[in-house]
Amino acid sequence: MIPLDYILKSVQNGDLDLDEAKQQIEQHLQQQASAGDRVADIGFAQLDIDRQKRTGFPEVIFGEGKTAEQILSIFQKLMEHSDRVLATRVSADKAEFVTAGIPGVKYHAAARALTWTKKPLVPERDGYIAVVCAGTSDLPVAEEAAVTAEMMGSRVERVFDVGVAGIHRLFRRLDLIRGADAIVVAAGMEGALASVLGGLVSKPIIAIPTSVGYGASLGGIAALLAMLNSCAPGVSVVNIDNGFGAAYSAAVIHKNLR
């Protein structure tokens, strides 16, 4: 691929006429597009608009720390290049601004996520991902995971409030969990649910420590360490409260199984 600055310098030096330069620039743009490295420059953000071509899913907007106006601008630009857009960690007031500015954008309040699709979402593959959470307080993280997996084309079965403090609740839903192709488990406090499930199922588990718990839970660090030290095999762990990251991994596993 001939660099653009080389083409422009050649024109400046008289080594290349305008017609030849135009042809080389067009070739450069075509090669750049096929390489999957196009960037949309909107000033405050450089958007990776070819990420779906390379990885199978478009760039996702992390809403925390961005203004409502920035989220809106990024959302609109991504809509031009993809059939779906997802924004995570979006507060209700920012979501109200974005949904007012873009028709068809949906706000998932529990997940704190904004979604848009060019056409209605339907599962793109057989099977499903189970999103399991220990308690109702873990729901925001679990819902972020569920919405993410659905946006990535997976069917999701939600299994909520089945923590180890009342473990009989888990056993009532065990067949559904065992039938999944991948399992996402969100748990705070001591984070025991991931280890329990690790000894009961034969499918990959992506564990999410949540920041739920009293003082000694240290904002999710206790659950994180418990999950990292799980004696049950087949348990992988993402960062505290990272429902998006867990679901992304589960969806990639699910996609490549079929």
Protein backbone atom coordinates (compact mmCIF):
# COMPACT_ATOMS: atom_id res chain seq x y z
CA MET A 1 0.00 0.00 0.00
CA ILE A 2 1.50 3.33 -1.09
CA PRO A 3 1.43 5.84 1.80
CA LEU A 4 -0.74 8.91 1.20
CA ASP A 5 2.03 11.31 2.21
CA TYR A 6 4.29 9.76 -0.45
CA ILE A 7 1.64 10.32 -3.13
CA LEU A 8 1.09 13.92 -2.06
CA LYS A 9 4.82 14.69 -1.94
CA SER A 10 5.19 13.20 -5.43
CA VAL A 11 2.53 15.61 -6.70
CA GLN A 12 4.21 18.51 -4.89
CA ASN A 13 7.59 17.64 -6.44
CA GLY A 14 6.11 17.28 -9.90
CA ASP A 15 6.89 13.57 -10.13
CA LEU A 16 3.20 12.63 -10.35
CA ASP A 17 0.39 14.34 -12.26
CA LEU A 18 -3.09 14.81 -10.79
CA ASP A 19 -4.73 11.96 -12.72
CA GLU A 20 -2.08 9.47 -11.60
CA ALA A 21 -2.32 10.76 -8.04
CA LYS A 22 -6.09 10.38 -8.04
CA GLN A 23 -5.78 6.80 -9.28
CA GLN A 24 -3.19 5.92 -6.62
CA ILE A 25 -5.28 7.52 -3.85
CA GLU A 26 -8.33 5.50 -4.95
CA GLN A 27 -6.23 2.33 -4.87
CA HIS A 28 -4.92 3.29 -1.45
CA LEU A 29 -8.45 3.74 -0.10
CA GLN A 30 -9.61 0.45 -1.58
CA GLN A 31 -6.66 -1.41 -0.07
CA GLN A 32 -7.20 0.30 3.27
CA ALA A 33 -10.87 -0.73 3.27
CA SER A 34 -10.04 -4.34 2.42
CA ALA A 35 -7.43 -4.42 5.17
CA GLY A 36 -10.10 -3.55 7.72
CA ASP A 37 -8.32 -0.60 9.28
CA ARG A 38 -10.56 2.34 8.42
CA VAL A 39 -11.02 5.00 11.11
CA ALA A 40 -13.79 7.59 11.40
CA ASP A 41 -12.35 10.79 12.86
CA ILE A 42 -14.99 12.80 14.71
CA GLY A 43 -12.54 15.00 16.57
CA PHE A 44 -12.82 13.77 20.14
CA ALA A 45 -12.93 10.09 19.07
CA GLN A 46 -11.25 7.89 16.47
CA LEU A 47 -13.81 5.19 15.70
CA ASP A 48 -12.71 1.74 14.58
CA ILE A 49 -15.42 1.29 11.97
CA ASP A 50 -13.94 -1.93 10.54
CA ARG A 51 -13.81 -3.81 13.84
CA GLN A 52 -16.77 -5.99 12.89
CA LYS A 53 -14.95 -7.06 9.73
CA ARG A 54 -11.93 -8.16 11.77
CA THR A 55 -13.48 -9.55 14.94
CA GLY A 56 -17.13 -10.28 14.15
CA PHE A 57 -18.64 -7.50 16.30
CA PRO A 58 -18.49 -3.71 15.96
CA GLU A 59 -16.84 -1.31 18.36
CA VAL A 60 -18.81 -0.87 21.58
CA ILE A 61 -19.31 2.49 23.29
CA PHE A 62 -18.24 2.67 26.93
CA GLY A 63 -20.57 5.38 28.19
CA GLU A 64 -19.03 6.02 31.58
CA GLY A 65 -16.99 9.22 31.54
CA LYS A 66 -18.42 10.42 28.24
CA THR A 67 -20.93 13.24 27.92
CA ALA A 68 -24.38 12.62 26.53
CA GLU A 69 -23.45 14.64 23.46
CA GLN A 70 -20.35 12.52 22.86
CA ILE A 71 -22.30 9.28 23.19
CA LEU A 72 -24.90 10.59 20.74
CA SER A 73 -22.28 11.58 18.15
CA ILE A 74 -20.42 8.28 18.41
CA PHE A 75 -23.68 6.34 18.23
CA GLN A 76 -24.77 8.14 15.07
CA LYS A 77 -21.45 7.57 13.33
CA LEU A 78 -21.35 3.86 14.21
CA MET A 79 -24.90 3.47 12.89
CA GLU A 80 -23.61 4.51 9.46
CA HIS A 81 -21.22 1.56 9.33
CA SER A 82 -22.92 -1.28 11.20
CA ASP A 83 -26.23 -3.08 11.57
CA ARG A 84 -26.09 -2.86 15.37
CA VAL A 85 -24.71 -0.53 18.04
CA LEU A 86 -24.22 -1.17 21.76
CA ALA A 87 -23.32 1.34 24.47
CA THR A 88 -22.64 0.19 28.03
CA ARG A 89 -22.50 2.03 31.38
CA VAL A 90 -24.95 4.72 30.30
CA SER A 91 -26.81 6.58 33.05
CA ALA A 92 -30.53 7.25 32.77
CA ASP A 93 -30.13 10.98 32.11
CA LYS A 94 -27.60 10.41 29.32
CA ALA A 95 -29.81 7.69 27.87
CA GLU A 96 -32.77 10.07 27.80
CA PHE A 97 -30.72 12.54 25.75
CA VAL A 98 -29.56 9.89 23.27
CA THR A 99 -32.96 8.22 22.79
CA ALA A 100 -34.53 11.64 22.19
CA GLY A 101 -31.95 12.35 19.50
CA ILE A 102 -31.98 8.99 17.69
CA PRO A 103 -35.28 7.23 16.92
CA GLY A 104 -35.21 3.48 17.48
CA VAL A 105 -32.56 3.42 20.21
CA LYS A 106 -33.63 1.33 23.21
CA TYR A 107 -32.50 1.86 26.79
CA HIS A 108 -32.16 -1.19 29.03
CA ALA A 109 -32.39 0.43 32.44
CA ALA A 110 -31.30 -2.57 34.53
CA ALA A 111 -28.26 -3.15 32.30
CA ARG A 112 -27.57 0.58 31.85
CA ALA A 113 -27.14 -0.15 28.14
CA LEU A 114 -28.30 1.46 24.91
CA THR A 115 -28.92 -0.68 21.85
CA TRP A 116 -29.87 -0.12 18.23
CA THR A 117 -30.32 -2.62 15.44
CA LYS A 118 -31.10 -2.05 11.78
CA LYS A 119 -33.54 -4.97 11.85
CA PRO A 120 -35.08 -6.98 14.70
CA LEU A 121 -32.62 -9.24 16.49
CA VAL A 122 -33.06 -12.97 16.11
CA PRO A 123 -30.64 -15.63 17.42
CA GLU A 124 -27.98 -16.29 14.80
CA ARG A 125 -27.10 -19.78 15.99
CA ASP A 126 -28.56 -22.80 17.77
CA GLY A 127 -28.22 -23.31 21.50
CA TYR A 128 -27.98 -20.62 24.15
CA ILE A 129 -25.91 -18.93 26.83
CA ALA A 130 -27.06 -19.12 30.44
CA VAL A 131 -26.56 -15.94 32.44
CA VAL A 132 -26.72 -16.85 36.11
CA CYS A 133 -26.54 -14.50 39.06
CA ALA A 134 -26.37 -15.16 42.77
CA GLY A 135 -28.66 -12.43 44.08
CA THR A 136 -30.98 -9.68 42.97
CA SER A 137 -28.28 -7.15 43.83
CA ASP A 138 -26.14 -8.68 41.07
CA LEU A 139 -28.84 -8.05 38.45
CA PRO A 140 -27.31 -4.94 36.84
CA VAL A 141 -24.12 -6.82 35.99
CA ALA A 142 -26.02 -9.93 34.89
CA GLU A 143 -28.31 -7.86 32.68
CA GLU A 144 -25.34 -6.11 31.07
CA ALA A 145 -24.05 -9.58 30.22
CA ALA A 146 -27.41 -10.78 28.92
CA VAL A 147 -27.97 -7.75 26.69
CA THR A 148 -24.43 -8.00 25.31
CA ALA A 149 -24.79 -11.69 24.44
CA GLU A 150 -28.12 -11.04 22.74
CA MET A 151 -26.61 -8.21 20.70
CA MET A 152 -23.90 -10.65 19.59
CA GLY A 153 -26.49 -13.04 18.19
CA SER A 154 -26.88 -15.56 21.01
CA ARG A 155 -30.08 -16.63 22.70
CA VAL A 156 -29.89 -16.04 26.45
CA GLU A 157 -31.56 -17.86 29.31
CA ARG A 158 -31.60 -15.81 32.48
CA VAL A 159 -31.29 -17.66 35.79
CA PHE A 160 -31.39 -15.12 38.58
CA ASP A 161 -31.28 -15.19 42.39
CA VAL A 162 -29.87 -18.69 42.83
CA GLY A 163 -27.02 -17.97 45.25
CA VAL A 164 -25.50 -20.44 47.65
CA ALA A 165 -27.35 -19.06 50.69
CA GLY A 166 -30.37 -20.98 49.37
CA ILE A 167 -28.66 -23.53 47.19
CA HIS A 168 -31.85 -25.54 46.61
CA ARG A 169 -32.95 -22.71 44.29
CA LEU A 170 -29.96 -23.46 42.07
CA PHE A 171 -30.71 -27.18 41.84
CA ARG A 172 -34.23 -26.41 40.59
CA ARG A 173 -32.70 -24.65 37.54
CA LEU A 174 -29.72 -26.92 37.02
CA ASP A 175 -31.02 -28.70 33.91
CA LEU A 176 -31.49 -25.38 32.14
CA ILE A 177 -27.98 -24.26 33.09
CA ARG A 178 -26.42 -27.57 32.04
CA GLY A 179 -28.07 -27.28 28.63
CA ALA A 180 -26.24 -24.06 27.81
CA ASP A 181 -23.23 -23.90 25.50
CA ALA A 182 -21.50 -21.39 27.78
CA ILE A 183 -22.36 -20.04 31.22
CA VAL A 184 -21.86 -16.56 32.65
CA VAL A 185 -21.99 -16.40 36.46
CA ALA A 186 -22.24 -13.09 38.36
CA ALA A 187 -21.78 -13.16 42.13
CA GLY A 188 -20.71 -10.77 44.85
CA MET A 189 -20.15 -11.32 48.60
CA GLU A 190 -17.82 -14.36 48.74
CA GLY A 191 -18.32 -15.26 45.05
CA ALA A 192 -18.97 -18.93 45.76
CA LEU A 193 -21.55 -19.57 43.05
CA ALA A 194 -18.98 -19.89 40.27
CA SER A 195 -17.09 -22.63 42.12
CA VAL A 196 -20.30 -24.50 42.95
CA LEU A 197 -21.38 -24.49 39.31
CA GLY A 198 -17.87 -25.43 38.20
CA GLY A 199 -18.31 -28.76 39.98
CA LEU A 200 -21.75 -29.40 38.50
CA VAL A 201 -21.54 -28.62 34.77
CA SER A 202 -19.44 -29.64 31.78
CA LYS A 203 -19.57 -26.29 29.96
CA PRO A 204 -17.16 -23.32 30.08
CA ILE A 205 -17.94 -20.83 32.86
CA ILE A 206 -17.10 -17.14 32.68
CA ALA A 207 -17.28 -15.75 36.21
CA ILE A 208 -17.93 -12.11 37.07
CA PRO A 209 -17.11 -10.93 40.59
CA THR A 210 -19.49 -8.10 41.47
CA SER A 211 -18.91 -5.21 43.84
CA VAL A 212 -21.90 -6.28 45.97
CA GLY A 213 -21.21 -6.89 49.65
CA TYR A 214 -20.37 -5.38 53.02
CA GLY A 215 -17.07 -3.73 53.94
CA ALA A 216 -14.77 -6.75 53.91
CA SER A 217 -15.89 -7.61 50.38
CA LEU A 218 -13.64 -4.67 49.41
CA GLY A 219 -15.77 -3.61 46.47
CA GLY A 220 -15.65 -7.03 44.83
CA ILE A 221 -12.02 -7.91 45.50
CA ALA A 222 -13.02 -10.72 47.89
CA ALA A 223 -15.24 -12.29 45.21
CA LEU A 224 -12.53 -11.77 42.58
CA LEU A 225 -9.90 -13.56 44.66
CA ALA A 226 -12.30 -16.38 45.52
CA MET A 227 -13.11 -16.94 41.84
CA LEU A 228 -9.45 -16.75 40.80
CA ASN A 229 -8.63 -19.35 43.47
CA SER A 230 -11.52 -21.66 42.59
CA CYS A 231 -10.66 -25.33 42.90
CA ALA A 232 -13.32 -26.13 40.28
CA PRO A 233 -11.83 -26.50 36.78
CA GLY A 234 -13.30 -24.73 33.77
CA VAL A 235 -13.87 -21.39 35.51
CA SER A 236 -12.42 -18.27 33.87
CA VAL A 237 -12.72 -14.87 35.53
CA VAL A 238 -13.16 -11.35 34.21
CA ASN A 239 -12.80 -8.03 36.00
CA ILE A 240 -15.12 -6.82 38.75
CA ASP A 241 -18.59 -5.92 37.42
CA ASN A 242 -17.49 -6.58 33.82
CA GLY A 243 -20.69 -8.09 32.48
CA PHE A 244 -19.82 -6.95 28.98
CA GLY A 245 -16.45 -8.71 28.93
CA ALA A 246 -17.86 -11.96 30.29
CA ALA A 247 -20.69 -12.04 27.78
CA TYR A 248 -18.37 -11.21 24.90
CA SER A 249 -16.17 -14.21 25.76
CA ALA A 250 -19.18 -16.49 26.17
CA ALA A 251 -20.65 -15.36 22.85
CA VAL A 252 -17.36 -15.99 21.03
CA ILE A 253 -17.28 -19.50 22.52
CA HIS A 254 -20.90 -20.05 21.50
CA LYS A 255 -20.31 -18.76 17.97
CA ASN A 256 -17.35 -21.05 17.37
CA LEU A 257 -19.10 -24.17 18.65
CA ARG A 258 -21.52 -24.19 15.73
